[in-house]
Amino acid sequence: MQLEGNKVTIDSMEYFIDNAAKILGILHYMVNEIFTNKSINELPL
């Protein structure tokens, strides 16, 4: 992945994730923290 100004270029190679469950767990925790610690009016939309 490469960022040039406001343009992002992604190569076409396949990447394998060896610990998807851990990554999804961390993502779930982060999203849950956002929605449980703020009111709906404070969410960045």
PDB file of N, CA and C in Angstrom:
ATOM      1  N   MET A   1       0.849  -1.160   0.000  1.00  0.00           N
ATOM      2  CA  MET A   1       0.000   0.000   0.000  1.00  0.00           C
ATOM      3  C   MET A   1       0.902   1.231   0.000  1.00  0.00           C
ATOM      4  N   GLN A   2       0.503   2.217  -0.784  1.00  0.00           N
ATOM      5  CA  GLN A   2       1.310   3.429  -0.884  1.00  0.00           C
ATOM      6  C   GLN A   2       0.383   4.637  -0.924  1.00  0.00           C
ATOM      7  N   LEU A   3       0.726   5.678  -0.182  1.00  0.00           N
ATOM      8  CA  LEU A   3      -0.048   6.914  -0.158  1.00  0.00           C
ATOM      9  C   LEU A   3       0.755   8.012  -0.822  1.00  0.00           C
ATOM     10  N   GLU A   4       0.154   8.642  -1.832  1.00  0.00           N
ATOM     11  CA  GLU A   4       0.755   9.790  -2.508  1.00  0.00           C
ATOM     12  C   GLU A   4      -0.274  10.905  -2.503  1.00  0.00           C
ATOM     13  N   GLY A   5      -0.085  11.905  -1.631  1.00  0.00           N
ATOM     14  CA  GLY A   5      -1.081  12.962  -1.503  1.00  0.00           C
ATOM     15  C   GLY A   5      -2.372  12.389  -0.952  1.00  0.00           C
ATOM     16  N   ASN A   6      -3.448  12.468  -1.753  1.00  0.00           N
ATOM     17  CA  ASN A   6      -4.714  11.876  -1.320  1.00  0.00           C
ATOM     18  C   ASN A   6      -5.056  10.624  -2.126  1.00  0.00           C
ATOM     19  N   LYS A   7      -4.061  10.020  -2.776  1.00  0.00           N
ATOM     20  CA  LYS A   7      -4.246   8.824  -3.597  1.00  0.00           C
ATOM     21  C   LYS A   7      -3.584   7.626  -2.923  1.00  0.00           C
ATOM     22  N   VAL A   8      -4.346   6.539  -2.741  1.00  0.00           N
ATOM     23  CA  VAL A   8      -3.820   5.304  -2.162  1.00  0.00           C
ATOM     24  C   VAL A   8      -3.747   4.256  -3.258  1.00  0.00           C
ATOM     25  N   THR A   9      -2.575   3.623  -3.397  1.00  0.00           N
ATOM     26  CA  THR A   9      -2.378   2.556  -4.368  1.00  0.00           C
ATOM     27  C   THR A   9      -2.163   1.255  -3.613  1.00  0.00           C
ATOM     28  N   ILE A  10      -2.885   0.208  -4.018  1.00  0.00           N
ATOM     29  CA  ILE A  10      -2.773  -1.103  -3.379  1.00  0.00           C
ATOM     30  C   ILE A  10      -2.315  -2.102  -4.424  1.00  0.00           C
ATOM     31  N   ASP A  11      -1.301  -2.899  -4.091  1.00  0.00           N
ATOM     32  CA  ASP A  11      -0.839  -3.902  -5.049  1.00  0.00           C
ATOM     33  C   ASP A  11      -1.833  -5.057  -5.121  1.00  0.00           C
ATOM     34  N   SER A  12      -1.660  -5.916  -6.098  1.00  0.00           N
ATOM     35  CA  SER A  12      -2.628  -6.990  -6.328  1.00  0.00           C
ATOM     36  C   SER A  12      -2.222  -8.321  -5.704  1.00  0.00           C
ATOM     37  N   MET A  13      -1.173  -8.345  -4.895  1.00  0.00           N
ATOM     38  CA  MET A  13      -0.739  -9.589  -4.264  1.00  0.00           C
ATOM     39  C   MET A  13      -1.708  -9.992  -3.163  1.00  0.00           C
ATOM     40  N   GLU A  14      -1.802 -11.283  -2.910  1.00  0.00           N
ATOM     41  CA  GLU A  14      -2.630 -11.794  -1.824  1.00  0.00           C
ATOM     42  C   GLU A  14      -1.800 -11.886  -0.552  1.00  0.00           C
ATOM     43  N   TYR A  15      -2.395 -11.484   0.558  1.00  0.00           N
ATOM     44  CA  TYR A  15      -1.731 -11.570   1.848  1.00  0.00           C
ATOM     45  C   TYR A  15      -2.582 -12.440   2.761  1.00  0.00           C
ATOM     46  N   PHE A  16      -1.947 -13.334   3.479  1.00  0.00           N
ATOM     47  CA  PHE A  16      -2.662 -14.240   4.362  1.00  0.00           C
ATOM     48  C   PHE A  16      -2.478 -13.795   5.805  1.00  0.00           C
ATOM     49  N   ILE A  17      -3.564 -13.837   6.546  1.00  0.00           N
ATOM     50  CA  ILE A  17      -3.554 -13.446   7.953  1.00  0.00           C
ATOM     51  C   ILE A  17      -3.545 -14.725   8.777  1.00  0.00           C
ATOM     52  N   ASP A  18      -2.494 -14.901   9.574  1.00  0.00           N
ATOM     53  CA  ASP A  18      -2.378 -16.146  10.329  1.00  0.00           C
ATOM     54  C   ASP A  18      -3.127 -16.126  11.655  1.00  0.00           C
ATOM     55  N   ASN A  19      -3.540 -14.967  12.129  1.00  0.00           N
ATOM     56  CA  ASN A  19      -4.244 -14.900  13.408  1.00  0.00           C
ATOM     57  C   ASN A  19      -5.468 -13.999  13.277  1.00  0.00           C
ATOM     58  N   ALA A  20      -6.381 -14.376  12.392  1.00  0.00           N
ATOM     59  CA  ALA A  20      -7.565 -13.556  12.123  1.00  0.00           C
ATOM     60  C   ALA A  20      -8.437 -13.386  13.362  1.00  0.00           C
ATOM     61  N   ALA A  21      -8.572 -14.419  14.176  1.00  0.00           N
ATOM     62  CA  ALA A  21      -9.428 -14.332  15.365  1.00  0.00           C
ATOM     63  C   ALA A  21      -8.938 -13.250  16.322  1.00  0.00           C
ATOM     64  N   LYS A  22      -7.640 -13.154  16.530  1.00  0.00           N
ATOM     65  CA  LYS A  22      -7.092 -12.135  17.431  1.00  0.00           C
ATOM     66  C   LYS A  22      -7.309 -10.739  16.856  1.00  0.00           C
ATOM     67  N   ILE A  23      -7.074 -10.577  15.560  1.00  0.00           N
ATOM     68  CA  ILE A  23      -7.256  -9.274  14.915  1.00  0.00           C
ATOM     69  C   ILE A  23      -8.723  -8.847  14.989  1.00  0.00           C
ATOM     70  N   LEU A  24      -9.649  -9.773  14.707  1.00  0.00           N
ATOM     71  CA  LEU A  24     -11.072  -9.448  14.791  1.00  0.00           C
ATOM     72  C   LEU A  24     -11.491  -9.145  16.224  1.00  0.00           C
ATOM     73  N   GLY A  25     -10.911  -9.829  17.191  1.00  0.00           N
ATOM     74  CA  GLY A  25     -11.204  -9.550  18.590  1.00  0.00           C
ATOM     75  C   GLY A  25     -10.778  -8.149  18.993  1.00  0.00           C
ATOM     76  N   ILE A  26      -9.606  -7.739  18.551  1.00  0.00           N
ATOM     77  CA  ILE A  26      -9.119  -6.382  18.844  1.00  0.00           C
ATOM     78  C   ILE A  26     -10.007  -5.346  18.174  1.00  0.00           C
ATOM     79  N   LEU A  27     -10.368  -5.577  16.910  1.00  0.00           N
ATOM     80  CA  LEU A  27     -11.255  -4.657  16.195  1.00  0.00           C
ATOM     81  C   LEU A  27     -12.610  -4.566  16.888  1.00  0.00           C
ATOM     82  N   HIS A  28     -13.154  -5.704  17.318  1.00  0.00           N
ATOM     83  CA  HIS A  28     -14.430  -5.720  18.035  1.00  0.00           C
ATOM     84  C   HIS A  28     -14.339  -4.900  19.317  1.00  0.00           C
ATOM     85  N   TYR A  29     -13.263  -5.070  20.060  1.00  0.00           N
ATOM     86  CA  TYR A  29     -13.070  -4.322  21.303  1.00  0.00           C
ATOM     87  C   TYR A  29     -13.038  -2.819  21.028  1.00  0.00           C
ATOM     88  N   MET A  30     -12.295  -2.415  19.991  1.00  0.00           N
ATOM     89  CA  MET A  30     -12.168  -0.991  19.668  1.00  0.00           C
ATOM     90  C   MET A  30     -13.516  -0.388  19.284  1.00  0.00           C
ATOM     91  N   VAL A  31     -14.265  -1.072  18.436  1.00  0.00           N
ATOM     92  CA  VAL A  31     -15.574  -0.567  18.011  1.00  0.00           C
ATOM     93  C   VAL A  31     -16.537  -0.542  19.189  1.00  0.00           C
ATOM     94  N   ASN A  32     -16.514  -1.568  20.013  1.00  0.00           N
ATOM     95  CA  ASN A  32     -17.381  -1.622  21.183  1.00  0.00           C
ATOM     96  C   ASN A  32     -17.085  -0.470  22.140  1.00  0.00           C
ATOM     97  N   GLU A  33     -15.822  -0.145  22.334  1.00  0.00           N
ATOM     98  CA  GLU A  33     -15.451   0.968  23.207  1.00  0.00           C
ATOM     99  C   GLU A  33     -16.003   2.289  22.683  1.00  0.00           C
ATOM    100  N   ILE A  34     -15.967   2.470  21.382  1.00  0.00           N
ATOM    101  CA  ILE A  34     -16.484   3.706  20.784  1.00  0.00           C
ATOM    102  C   ILE A  34     -17.976   3.838  21.056  1.00  0.00           C
ATOM    103  N   PHE A  35     -18.728   2.757  20.833  1.00  0.00           N
ATOM    104  CA  PHE A  35     -20.178   2.831  20.941  1.00  0.00           C
ATOM    105  C   PHE A  35     -20.687   2.761  22.370  1.00  0.00           C
ATOM    106  N   THR A  36     -19.926   2.225  23.309  1.00  0.00           N
ATOM    107  CA  THR A  36     -20.409   2.154  24.688  1.00  0.00           C
ATOM    108  C   THR A  36     -19.985   3.356  25.519  1.00  0.00           C
ATOM    109  N   ASN A  37     -18.964   4.069  25.105  1.00  0.00           N
ATOM    110  CA  ASN A  37     -18.469   5.191  25.895  1.00  0.00           C
ATOM    111  C   ASN A  37     -18.926   6.549  25.389  1.00  0.00           C
ATOM    112  N   LYS A  38     -19.695   6.589  24.319  1.00  0.00           N
ATOM    113  CA  LYS A  38     -20.166   7.866  23.789  1.00  0.00           C
ATOM    114  C   LYS A  38     -21.651   7.768  23.486  1.00  0.00           C
ATOM    115  N   SER A  39     -22.317   8.898  23.603  1.00  0.00           N
ATOM    116  CA  SER A  39     -23.713   8.922  23.190  1.00  0.00           C
ATOM    117  C   SER A  39     -23.764   8.968  21.667  1.00  0.00           C
ATOM    118  N   ILE A  40     -24.903   8.674  21.105  1.00  0.00           N
ATOM    119  CA  ILE A  40     -25.046   8.631  19.650  1.00  0.00           C
ATOM    120  C   ILE A  40     -24.728   9.982  19.020  1.00  0.00           C
ATOM    121  N   ASN A  41     -24.956  11.084  19.745  1.00  0.00           N
ATOM    122  CA  ASN A  41     -24.684  12.418  19.208  1.00  0.00           C
ATOM    123  C   ASN A  41     -23.197  12.734  19.146  1.00  0.00           C
ATOM    124  N   GLU A  42     -22.375  11.998  19.886  1.00  0.00           N
ATOM    125  CA  GLU A  42     -20.935  12.257  19.911  1.00  0.00           C
ATOM    126  C   GLU A  42     -20.160  11.433  18.893  1.00  0.00           C
ATOM    127  N   LEU A  43     -20.823  10.498  18.208  1.00  0.00           N
ATOM    128  CA  LEU A  43     -20.119   9.629  17.274  1.00  0.00           C
ATOM    129  C   LEU A  43     -19.707  10.394  16.027  1.00  0.00           C
ATOM    130  N   PRO A  44     -18.492  10.145  15.532  1.00  0.00           N
ATOM    131  CA  PRO A  44     -18.029  10.829  14.314  1.00  0.00           C
ATOM    132  C   PRO A  44     -18.703  10.231  13.085  1.00  0.00           C
ATOM    133  N   LEU A  45     -19.574  10.987  12.455  1.00  0.00           N
ATOM    134  CA  LEU A  45     -20.270  10.500  11.259  1.00  0.00           C
ATOM    135  C   LEU A  45     -19.917  11.328  10.057  1.00  0.00           C
TER     136      LEU A  45
END
